[in-house]
């Protein structure tokens, strides 16, 4: 034991001596070529400085627009973001997304919970699983968000579609920035918040039997509402379902959300059919024919003596002559199935209460701010070095 103690003493003496040698000397005593860390300030262009002033200093965000291979998924082939389009998107993201939360919820909130790294990639990133799915964005542990397809935007005429419930996802001219960028940013941010504070497990059970797992890529957006979802991607699993409802609600007008809910209502007809397959009288809920009546409420139908089917109506003219005419086809009565509608509404109510009670966020207020700021960029952005702003 004594020998071990002596060895430790010698070790600490050597460490102390080394510390004195390196800390008490002058700058001239250190060979710059032996320095491990780069102590020089990085060279910044005007855009870099703008990012420092508008992202790093106020929000502690590192905005990466240059291509850095170690920051990307090496299993995919991607290309760098165009410099001018990266500048335009940086302005738009700050105005429409980042500052919207600062205005609606407060600067402290977005400073605390915003991802610390934003990365721009020029091209899309396609799934390697052979399902032809495409990534609109990724969020890594709540710290980093990657945005793809930057090179497809048009900085002079940005288009943010707030009305269409089924966006044209294939069109680039005009490119819907709401679908490709802002919806994605809200979606990924929702994941960050729900990973920080859980939402009610009741949400998971509402559509538990309807999720498509890997088959979600075959669910068209236009078919999703009738299944109780806002999009095909939302049908993949409950966390994506939650984030898709959130992102749709805060990026679309109230009328668009109403149209989405209406699209979830399934209508079916309950008309009766004669022996030839032609529609005739409507049936009641027990399957009985609803007979046609005259002005006095008298039933005026006639049955086929052989089959018993209602095939003729009894008509009496002004002279009292009685004739029987074929039963006319009626506009079918539509039955409405509210199953998917009720599921979608139930999930939204849980989501709405979660943000109100857990985060103190009024989703209606946030939506109004997002819609307002989206309208403000319709004239485009000025990417000149001395301005870098939204065109008023």
Protein backbone atom coordinates (compact mmCIF):
# COMPACT_ATOMS: atom_id res chain seq x y z
CA UNK A 1 0.00 0.00 0.00
CA UNK A 2 2.82 2.41 0.81
CA UNK A 3 4.48 1.87 -2.53
CA UNK A 4 1.21 2.63 -4.32
CA UNK A 5 0.83 5.86 -2.35
CA UNK A 6 4.35 6.92 -3.29
CA UNK A 7 3.64 6.26 -6.98
CA UNK A 8 0.55 8.46 -6.82
CA UNK A 9 2.54 11.22 -5.17
CA UNK A 10 5.18 11.10 -7.89
CA UNK A 11 2.46 11.16 -10.56
CA UNK A 12 0.76 14.23 -9.13
CA UNK A 13 4.11 16.01 -8.78
CA UNK A 14 4.82 15.39 -12.45
CA UNK A 15 1.38 16.71 -13.40
CA UNK A 16 1.90 19.83 -11.31
CA UNK A 17 5.30 20.42 -12.86
CA UNK A 18 3.87 20.06 -16.34
CA UNK A 19 1.10 22.51 -15.45
CA UNK A 20 3.65 25.08 -14.22
CA UNK A 21 5.74 24.71 -17.35
CA UNK A 22 2.79 25.36 -19.65
CA UNK A 23 1.04 28.04 -17.61
CA UNK A 24 3.88 30.20 -16.37
CA UNK A 25 5.73 30.67 -19.62
CA UNK A 26 5.19 33.46 -22.14
CA UNK A 27 3.31 33.18 -25.42
CA UNK A 28 6.63 32.83 -27.17
CA UNK A 29 7.29 29.62 -25.25
CA UNK A 30 4.44 27.77 -27.06
CA UNK A 31 5.04 26.50 -30.55
CA UNK A 32 1.89 27.43 -32.58
CA UNK A 33 2.36 24.30 -34.71
CA UNK A 34 1.75 22.20 -31.61
CA UNK A 35 -1.61 23.81 -30.78
CA UNK A 36 -4.48 21.30 -30.81
CA UNK A 37 -7.37 23.78 -31.12
CA UNK A 38 -7.91 26.42 -33.79
CA UNK A 39 -8.06 29.72 -31.92
CA UNK A 40 -8.49 31.95 -34.98
CA UNK A 41 -11.86 33.56 -35.68
CA UNK A 42 -13.62 32.06 -38.71
CA UNK A 43 -13.97 34.18 -41.81
CA UNK A 44 -17.60 35.16 -42.31
CA UNK A 45 -19.31 36.53 -45.37
CA UNK A 46 -22.27 38.90 -45.08
CA UNK A 47 -24.75 35.99 -44.95
CA UNK A 48 -22.77 34.32 -42.17
CA UNK A 49 -22.92 37.54 -40.20
CA UNK A 50 -26.66 37.84 -40.82
CA UNK A 51 -27.10 34.30 -39.49
CA UNK A 52 -25.07 35.24 -36.43
CA UNK A 53 -27.28 38.26 -35.78
CA UNK A 54 -30.64 36.58 -36.52
CA UNK A 55 -30.22 32.96 -35.49
CA UNK A 56 -27.17 32.41 -33.31
CA UNK A 57 -27.27 35.43 -31.01
CA UNK A 58 -31.04 35.67 -30.34
CA UNK A 59 -31.89 31.94 -30.48
CA UNK A 60 -28.60 30.06 -30.01
CA UNK A 61 -29.14 28.27 -33.34
CA UNK A 62 -26.41 27.05 -35.66
CA UNK A 63 -27.77 27.45 -39.20
CA UNK A 64 -25.79 25.18 -41.57
CA UNK A 65 -26.22 25.94 -45.25
CA UNK A 66 -22.86 24.72 -46.53
CA UNK A 67 -22.59 21.02 -47.34
CA UNK A 68 -20.81 19.07 -44.60
CA UNK A 69 -20.72 15.35 -45.37
CA UNK A 70 -20.49 14.22 -41.74
CA UNK A 71 -23.72 16.09 -41.01
CA UNK A 72 -25.67 14.04 -43.58
CA UNK A 73 -26.81 10.43 -43.79
CA UNK A 74 -24.08 8.70 -45.80
CA UNK A 75 -26.50 6.06 -47.09
CA UNK A 76 -28.16 8.65 -49.34
CA UNK A 77 -26.87 10.72 -52.24
CA UNK A 78 -27.69 14.40 -51.79
CA UNK A 79 -26.41 17.70 -53.17
CA UNK A 80 -25.59 21.03 -51.48
CA UNK A 81 -28.10 23.84 -51.21
CA UNK A 82 -27.78 26.70 -53.69
CA UNK A 83 -26.32 29.74 -51.94
CA UNK A 84 -28.98 32.28 -52.97
CA UNK A 85 -31.83 29.88 -52.27
CA UNK A 86 -30.35 29.06 -48.89
CA UNK A 87 -30.33 32.79 -48.10
CA UNK A 88 -33.97 33.12 -49.17
CA UNK A 89 -35.08 30.12 -47.12
CA UNK A 90 -33.21 31.38 -44.05
CA UNK A 91 -35.20 34.63 -44.26
CA UNK A 92 -38.48 32.78 -44.79
CA UNK A 93 -37.94 30.26 -41.98
CA UNK A 94 -37.14 33.04 -39.54
CA UNK A 95 -40.14 35.17 -40.52
CA UNK A 96 -42.81 32.50 -40.99
CA UNK A 97 -41.75 29.85 -38.49
CA UNK A 98 -39.26 30.97 -35.85
CA UNK A 99 -40.60 34.46 -35.23
CA UNK A 100 -44.20 33.15 -35.34
CA UNK A 101 -43.57 31.16 -32.16
CA UNK A 102 -41.76 34.11 -30.60
CA UNK A 103 -44.78 36.32 -31.31
CA UNK A 104 -47.52 33.85 -30.36
CA UNK A 105 -45.90 32.01 -27.45
CA UNK A 106 -42.92 34.11 -26.42
CA UNK A 107 -39.22 34.40 -27.18
CA UNK A 108 -38.21 32.44 -24.09
CA UNK A 109 -40.25 29.46 -25.28
CA UNK A 110 -38.66 29.23 -28.71
CA UNK A 111 -35.21 29.96 -27.28
CA UNK A 112 -35.64 27.05 -24.89
CA UNK A 113 -37.17 24.42 -27.15
CA UNK A 114 -36.09 25.25 -30.68
CA UNK A 115 -33.68 22.80 -32.32
CA UNK A 116 -30.10 24.01 -31.94
CA UNK A 117 -29.02 23.07 -35.46
CA UNK A 118 -30.79 23.72 -38.76
CA UNK A 119 -29.29 22.13 -41.85
CA UNK A 120 -30.22 22.75 -45.47
CA UNK A 121 -29.83 20.15 -48.23
CA UNK A 122 -30.37 21.04 -51.88
CA UNK A 123 -31.97 17.81 -53.07
CA UNK A 124 -34.48 15.30 -51.84
CA UNK A 125 -33.56 12.21 -49.86
CA UNK A 126 -35.31 9.07 -51.02
CA UNK A 127 -35.91 6.03 -48.87
CA UNK A 128 -33.58 3.08 -49.48
CA UNK A 129 -36.38 0.63 -48.63
CA UNK A 130 -37.78 0.55 -52.16
CA UNK A 131 -41.10 2.13 -51.17
CA UNK A 132 -40.41 5.38 -53.08
CA UNK A 133 -41.08 7.47 -49.98
CA UNK A 134 -39.34 10.81 -49.67
CA UNK A 135 -38.12 12.63 -46.59
CA UNK A 136 -39.39 16.17 -46.21
CA UNK A 137 -37.31 16.70 -43.10
CA UNK A 138 -35.75 14.98 -40.14
CA UNK A 139 -35.42 15.81 -36.46
CA UNK A 140 -32.63 14.20 -34.45
CA UNK A 141 -33.23 13.98 -30.74
CA UNK A 142 -34.78 17.43 -30.60
CA UNK A 143 -31.42 19.04 -31.38
CA UNK A 144 -31.17 19.16 -35.16
CA UNK A 145 -33.60 19.62 -38.04
CA UNK A 146 -32.62 18.90 -41.64
CA UNK A 147 -34.63 20.42 -44.48
CA UNK A 148 -34.43 18.98 -48.01
CA UNK A 149 -35.23 20.18 -51.56
CA UNK A 150 -33.98 23.72 -50.95
CA UNK A 151 -32.94 24.08 -54.60
CA UNK A 152 -36.56 23.74 -55.78
CA UNK A 153 -37.79 26.99 -54.23
CA UNK A 154 -38.38 30.24 -56.11
CA UNK A 155 -37.27 33.11 -53.84
CA UNK A 156 -38.98 35.80 -55.92
CA UNK A 157 -42.47 34.28 -55.77
CA UNK A 158 -42.83 32.07 -52.69
CA UNK A 159 -46.20 30.34 -52.60
CA UNK A 160 -47.64 29.15 -49.30
CA UNK A 161 -50.91 27.27 -49.85
CA UNK A 162 -53.10 27.64 -46.76
CA UNK A 163 -56.35 26.42 -48.31
CA UNK A 164 -55.80 23.13 -50.14
CA UNK A 165 -56.39 20.11 -47.94
CA UNK A 166 -54.81 17.81 -50.53
CA UNK A 167 -51.73 19.66 -51.85
CA UNK A 168 -50.20 18.90 -55.23
CA UNK A 169 -47.08 17.23 -53.88
CA UNK A 170 -45.58 16.59 -57.31
CA UNK A 171 -45.65 20.17 -58.58
CA UNK A 172 -42.60 22.41 -58.35
CA UNK A 173 -44.09 25.31 -60.33
CA UNK A 174 -45.42 26.79 -58.22
CA UNK A 175 -43.90 24.92 -55.31
CA UNK A 176 -46.10 24.83 -52.22
CA UNK A 177 -43.72 25.91 -49.47
CA UNK A 178 -46.34 25.17 -46.85
CA UNK A 179 -46.24 21.48 -47.71
CA UNK A 180 -42.53 21.11 -48.41
CA UNK A 181 -41.11 23.28 -45.63
CA UNK A 182 -43.33 24.93 -43.02
CA UNK A 183 -45.67 22.00 -42.43
CA UNK A 184 -42.55 19.87 -42.02
CA UNK A 185 -40.94 22.27 -39.54
CA UNK A 186 -44.09 22.37 -37.39
CA UNK A 187 -44.36 18.59 -37.63
CA UNK A 188 -40.79 18.03 -36.45
CA UNK A 189 -41.12 20.66 -33.72
CA UNK A 190 -44.22 18.88 -32.46
CA UNK A 191 -42.11 15.75 -32.04
CA UNK A 192 -39.61 17.73 -29.98
CA UNK A 193 -42.33 19.00 -27.66
CA UNK A 194 -44.07 15.63 -27.22
CA UNK A 195 -40.73 13.95 -26.53
CA UNK A 196 -40.14 16.55 -23.82
CA UNK A 197 -43.59 16.23 -22.23
CA UNK A 198 -45.83 13.27 -23.05
CA UNK A 199 -49.41 13.60 -24.26
CA UNK A 200 -52.36 11.47 -23.15
CA UNK A 201 -52.10 7.77 -23.98
CA UNK A 202 -55.82 7.92 -24.79
CA UNK A 203 -54.81 9.31 -28.17
CA UNK A 204 -53.08 6.05 -29.11
CA UNK A 205 -56.21 3.95 -28.79
CA UNK A 206 -58.58 6.02 -30.92
CA UNK A 207 -57.22 4.81 -34.27
CA UNK A 208 -55.25 1.82 -32.98
CA UNK A 209 -56.80 -0.58 -35.48
CA UNK A 210 -56.43 1.77 -38.44
CA UNK A 211 -52.68 2.46 -38.58
CA UNK A 212 -50.98 1.18 -41.72
CA UNK A 213 -47.38 0.81 -40.45
CA UNK A 214 -45.24 0.20 -43.57
CA UNK A 215 -48.24 0.30 -45.91
CA UNK A 216 -48.85 4.02 -45.27
CA UNK A 217 -47.01 4.86 -48.51
CA UNK A 218 -49.97 3.38 -50.39
CA UNK A 219 -52.49 5.59 -48.59
CA UNK A 220 -53.33 8.60 -50.73
CA UNK A 221 -53.72 11.91 -48.94
CA UNK A 222 -57.18 12.20 -50.47
CA UNK A 223 -58.20 8.87 -48.92
CA UNK A 224 -56.74 9.58 -45.47
CA UNK A 225 -59.63 11.63 -43.96
CA UNK A 226 -62.13 8.81 -44.53
CA UNK A 227 -59.77 6.66 -42.45
CA UNK A 228 -59.55 9.25 -39.67
CA UNK A 229 -56.22 10.85 -40.63
CA UNK A 230 -55.09 14.19 -42.04
CA UNK A 231 -52.60 12.61 -44.47
CA UNK A 232 -51.30 9.29 -45.68
CA UNK A 233 -48.18 9.72 -43.55
CA UNK A 234 -50.35 10.31 -40.51
CA UNK A 235 -51.71 6.79 -40.91
CA UNK A 236 -48.28 5.26 -40.24
CA UNK A 237 -48.42 5.34 -36.42
CA UNK A 238 -49.81 7.43 -33.57
CA UNK A 239 -46.84 9.78 -33.05
CA UNK A 240 -46.83 10.75 -36.73
CA UNK A 241 -50.63 11.00 -36.61
CA UNK A 242 -50.38 13.47 -33.71
CA UNK A 243 -47.71 15.59 -35.43
CA UNK A 244 -49.58 15.63 -38.75
CA UNK A 245 -52.80 16.89 -37.16
CA UNK A 246 -50.84 19.60 -35.35
CA UNK A 247 -48.92 20.73 -38.43
CA UNK A 248 -52.05 20.83 -40.59
CA UNK A 249 -54.04 22.84 -38.06
CA UNK A 250 -51.48 25.59 -37.49
CA UNK A 251 -50.60 26.04 -41.18
CA UNK A 252 -54.11 26.07 -42.70
CA UNK A 253 -57.11 28.34 -42.49
CA UNK A 254 -60.14 27.45 -40.35
CA UNK A 255 -62.13 26.81 -43.53
CA UNK A 256 -59.48 24.34 -44.72
CA UNK A 257 -59.65 22.42 -41.45
CA UNK A 258 -63.45 22.36 -41.72
CA UNK A 259 -63.18 20.96 -45.26
CA UNK A 260 -60.80 18.29 -44.01
CA UNK A 261 -63.28 17.23 -41.33
CA UNK A 262 -66.09 17.15 -43.89
CA UNK A 263 -63.94 14.93 -46.12
CA UNK A 264 -63.85 12.38 -43.29
CA UNK A 265 -67.63 11.88 -43.44
CA UNK A 266 -68.54 8.88 -45.61
CA UNK A 267 -71.84 9.00 -47.50
CA UNK A 268 -73.70 5.89 -48.66
CA UNK A 269 -77.09 5.62 -50.40
CA UNK A 270 -80.00 3.44 -49.23
CA UNK A 271 -82.17 3.40 -52.34
CA UNK A 272 -84.37 0.42 -53.27
CA UNK A 273 -83.89 -1.47 -56.54
CA UNK A 274 -86.53 -3.20 -58.65
CA UNK A 275 -86.23 -6.65 -60.22
CA UNK A 276 -84.42 -5.14 -63.22
CA UNK A 277 -81.82 -3.40 -61.06
CA UNK A 278 -83.36 0.04 -61.46
CA UNK A 279 -83.59 2.35 -58.43
CA UNK A 280 -87.13 2.90 -57.13
CA UNK A 281 -88.47 3.77 -53.70
CA UNK A 282 -86.22 4.48 -50.78
CA UNK A 283 -86.18 2.12 -47.81
CA UNK A 284 -86.48 2.93 -44.16
CA UNK A 285 -84.00 1.81 -41.49
CA UNK A 286 -85.78 -1.60 -41.23
CA UNK A 287 -85.49 -2.21 -44.95
CA UNK A 288 -89.19 -1.53 -45.69
CA UNK A 289 -90.25 0.44 -48.73
CA UNK A 290 -91.28 4.00 -48.08
CA UNK A 291 -94.43 4.34 -50.21
CA UNK A 292 -95.27 7.34 -52.36
CA UNK A 293 -98.34 9.30 -51.25
CA UNK A 294 -100.67 11.79 -52.89
CA UNK A 295 -101.45 15.30 -51.69
CA UNK A 296 -103.83 13.91 -49.07
CA UNK A 297 -101.29 11.44 -47.72
CA UNK A 298 -102.92 8.41 -49.32
CA UNK A 299 -100.64 5.62 -50.47
CA UNK A 300 -100.75 5.36 -54.26
CA UNK A 301 -98.60 2.34 -55.02
CA UNK A 302 -99.46 -0.93 -56.73
CA UNK A 303 -97.73 -4.27 -56.26
CA UNK A 304 -96.89 -6.74 -58.96
CA UNK A 305 -99.41 -9.59 -58.42
CA UNK A 306 -96.77 -12.24 -59.10
CA UNK A 307 -93.72 -10.94 -57.26
CA UNK A 308 -95.27 -8.54 -54.78
CA UNK A 309 -92.77 -5.83 -55.73
CA UNK A 310 -93.84 -2.23 -55.94
CA UNK A 311 -93.75 -1.46 -59.62
CA UNK A 312 -96.57 0.96 -60.39
CA UNK A 313 -98.13 4.06 -58.93
CA UNK A 314 -101.85 4.59 -59.11
CA UNK A 315 -102.78 7.79 -60.96
CA UNK A 316 -106.32 9.18 -61.19
CA UNK A 317 -106.92 12.00 -63.66
CA UNK A 318 -109.52 14.80 -63.40
CA UNK A 319 -112.19 12.68 -65.03
CA UNK A 320 -111.68 9.86 -62.56
CA UNK A 321 -109.85 7.61 -64.98
CA UNK A 322 -107.37 5.38 -63.18
CA UNK A 323 -104.03 4.38 -64.71
CA UNK A 324 -100.89 2.79 -63.33
CA UNK A 325 -97.54 4.27 -64.23
CA UNK A 326 -94.05 2.91 -63.65
CA UNK A 327 -92.51 3.96 -60.36
CA UNK A 328 -90.13 6.88 -60.97
CA UNK A 329 -86.54 6.69 -59.79
CA UNK A 330 -85.84 8.92 -56.80
CA UNK A 331 -82.69 10.71 -55.77
CA UNK A 332 -81.19 8.28 -53.28
CA UNK A 333 -81.24 9.20 -49.65
CA UNK A 334 -77.67 9.46 -48.35
CA UNK A 335 -76.64 7.90 -45.10
CA UNK A 336 -73.68 9.56 -43.40
CA UNK A 337 -71.07 7.55 -41.57
CA UNK A 338 -69.34 9.70 -38.93
CA UNK A 339 -66.94 7.03 -37.67
CA UNK A 340 -63.76 8.56 -39.13
CA UNK A 341 -65.01 12.07 -38.39
CA UNK A 342 -65.54 11.25 -34.73
CA UNK A 343 -62.08 9.71 -34.46
CA UNK A 344 -60.42 12.72 -36.05
CA UNK A 345 -62.31 15.16 -33.82
CA UNK A 346 -61.53 13.13 -30.69
CA UNK A 347 -57.81 13.09 -31.52
CA UNK A 348 -57.79 16.80 -32.27
CA UNK A 349 -59.47 17.62 -28.96
CA UNK A 350 -56.79 15.69 -27.06
CA UNK A 351 -54.09 17.47 -29.05
CA UNK A 352 -55.65 20.90 -28.51
CA UNK A 353 -55.94 20.36 -24.75
CA UNK A 354 -52.39 19.03 -24.56
CA UNK A 355 -50.89 22.21 -26.00
CA UNK A 356 -53.18 24.44 -23.94
CA UNK A 357 -52.71 22.70 -20.59
CA UNK A 358 -49.15 21.41 -20.93
CA UNK A 359 -47.46 24.24 -22.82
CA UNK A 360 -49.86 27.15 -22.41
CA UNK A 361 -50.14 27.42 -26.20
CA UNK A 362 -53.39 28.64 -27.73
CA UNK A 363 -53.35 26.85 -31.09
CA UNK A 364 -55.87 29.27 -32.58
CA UNK A 365 -53.63 32.22 -31.72
CA UNK A 366 -50.55 30.44 -33.06
CA UNK A 367 -52.38 29.55 -36.26
CA UNK A 368 -53.50 33.15 -36.77
CA UNK A 369 -49.94 34.41 -36.39
CA UNK A 370 -48.58 31.76 -38.76
CA UNK A 371 -51.22 32.58 -41.39
CA UNK A 372 -50.56 36.30 -41.08
CA UNK A 373 -46.81 35.91 -41.45
CA UNK A 374 -47.26 33.53 -44.38
CA UNK A 375 -49.27 36.19 -46.21
CA UNK A 376 -46.57 38.77 -45.54
CA UNK A 377 -44.00 36.96 -47.71
CA UNK A 378 -46.09 36.79 -50.89
CA UNK A 379 -44.00 39.54 -52.52
CA UNK A 380 -40.84 37.54 -52.02
CA UNK A 381 -37.61 38.22 -50.20
CA UNK A 382 -34.68 40.53 -50.80
CA UNK A 383 -31.46 38.52 -50.57
CA UNK A 384 -29.07 41.39 -51.29
CA UNK A 385 -26.26 41.60 -48.76
CA UNK A 386 -27.27 44.99 -47.40
CA UNK A 387 -30.93 44.04 -46.82
CA UNK A 388 -31.75 40.33 -46.33
CA UNK A 389 -35.42 40.81 -45.53
CA UNK A 390 -39.01 40.15 -46.54
CA UNK A 391 -40.21 42.55 -49.25
CA UNK A 392 -42.97 44.75 -47.89
